[in-house]
Amino acid sequence: MNSTLINDVKEILLEHGISEYDIDNESNFEVDSIQFISILVSLEQKFNIEIPDESILMPEEFNVKYFYTLVNEILENKIDNKCNGDFII
């Protein structure tokens, strides 16, 4: 895992009221739909990305890996597309 990326994701989760204990122990935690959308918006702003609706699944419980994987896959796709000259997200 990219340590800078994971730390940025953890910081955003802390800002949205997820306990440091749950984040550090990679425990599952619950978020309501408003909190979930707010986290997604913060991730989009922080990483200058757009998270496509089809990439979003809202399970009943989350963990740091869920949000890390979501952002990481989009960033990798963004970089791959940029390298190919297509720059499409």
Protein backbone atom coordinates (compact mmCIF):
# COMPACT_ATOMS: atom_id res chain seq x y z
CA MET A 1 0.00 0.00 0.00
CA ASN A 2 1.10 3.53 -0.73
CA SER A 3 1.78 4.95 2.74
CA THR A 4 1.11 8.56 1.73
CA LEU A 5 -2.22 7.63 0.20
CA ILE A 6 -3.28 5.51 3.17
CA ASN A 7 -2.35 8.32 5.58
CA ASP A 8 -4.37 10.84 3.56
CA VAL A 9 -7.38 8.50 3.54
CA LYS A 10 -7.03 7.97 7.31
CA GLU A 11 -6.87 11.74 7.86
CA ILE A 12 -10.10 12.24 5.92
CA LEU A 13 -11.83 9.50 7.90
CA LEU A 14 -10.72 11.12 11.16
CA GLU A 15 -12.11 14.45 9.96
CA HIS A 16 -15.46 12.72 9.43
CA GLY A 17 -15.70 11.32 12.93
CA ILE A 18 -14.33 7.80 12.45
CA SER A 19 -12.45 6.79 15.58
CA GLU A 20 -8.68 6.60 15.45
CA TYR A 21 -8.93 3.16 17.06
CA ASP A 22 -11.08 1.82 14.22
CA ILE A 23 -8.81 3.37 11.61
CA ASP A 24 -5.53 2.17 13.12
CA ASN A 25 -6.80 -1.35 13.74
CA GLU A 26 -8.48 -1.55 10.33
CA SER A 27 -11.69 -2.43 12.11
CA ASN A 28 -15.04 -2.29 10.37
CA PHE A 29 -17.10 0.78 11.16
CA GLU A 30 -20.54 2.01 10.22
CA VAL A 31 -21.35 5.24 8.40
CA ASP A 32 -24.72 6.60 7.44
CA SER A 33 -25.48 7.64 3.87
CA ILE A 34 -24.83 11.34 4.49
CA GLN A 35 -21.49 10.64 6.17
CA PHE A 36 -20.58 8.26 3.33
CA ILE A 37 -21.28 10.88 0.66
CA SER A 38 -19.37 13.49 2.65
CA ILE A 39 -16.33 11.18 2.85
CA LEU A 40 -16.51 10.53 -0.90
CA VAL A 41 -16.67 14.27 -1.65
CA SER A 42 -13.65 14.88 0.59
CA LEU A 43 -11.72 12.10 -1.17
CA GLU A 44 -12.59 13.58 -4.57
CA GLN A 45 -11.43 17.03 -3.48
CA LYS A 46 -8.24 15.82 -1.79
CA PHE A 47 -7.09 13.69 -4.72
CA ASN A 48 -8.63 15.78 -7.52
CA ILE A 49 -10.59 12.80 -8.83
CA GLU A 50 -14.16 11.97 -9.73
CA ILE A 51 -15.50 8.76 -8.25
CA PRO A 52 -17.89 7.23 -10.80
CA ASP A 53 -21.25 6.13 -9.42
CA GLU A 54 -20.70 2.62 -10.75
CA SER A 55 -17.55 2.34 -8.59
CA ILE A 56 -19.49 2.98 -5.40
CA LEU A 57 -20.91 0.14 -3.37
CA MET A 58 -22.33 0.99 0.03
CA PRO A 59 -21.87 -1.99 2.29
CA GLU A 60 -23.25 -1.89 5.82
CA GLU A 61 -19.75 -1.66 7.30
CA PHE A 62 -16.59 -0.05 6.02
CA ASN A 63 -12.90 -0.10 6.80
CA VAL A 64 -9.87 1.89 5.72
CA LYS A 65 -9.08 -0.60 2.95
CA TYR A 66 -12.46 0.04 1.28
CA PHE A 67 -11.76 3.75 0.84
CA TYR A 68 -8.05 3.23 0.06
CA THR A 69 -8.86 0.69 -2.67
CA LEU A 70 -11.55 2.93 -4.17
CA VAL A 71 -9.19 5.91 -4.44
CA ASN A 72 -6.15 3.87 -5.44
CA GLU A 73 -7.95 2.18 -8.34
CA ILE A 74 -9.15 5.53 -9.66
CA LEU A 75 -5.71 7.12 -9.30
CA GLU A 76 -4.06 4.20 -11.10
CA ASN A 77 -6.63 4.43 -13.87
CA LYS A 78 -6.13 8.20 -14.08
CA ILE A 79 -2.38 7.78 -14.34
CA ASP A 80 -2.66 4.95 -16.90
CA ASN A 81 -5.06 6.97 -19.03
CA LYS A 82 -2.89 10.07 -18.79
CA CYS A 83 0.15 8.07 -19.90
CA ASN A 84 -1.83 6.82 -22.87
CA GLY A 85 -2.85 10.36 -23.76
CA ASP A 86 -6.53 9.73 -23.07
CA PHE A 87 -6.86 11.26 -19.58
CA ILE A 88 -10.37 9.96 -18.96
CA ILE A 89 -11.81 9.02 -15.62
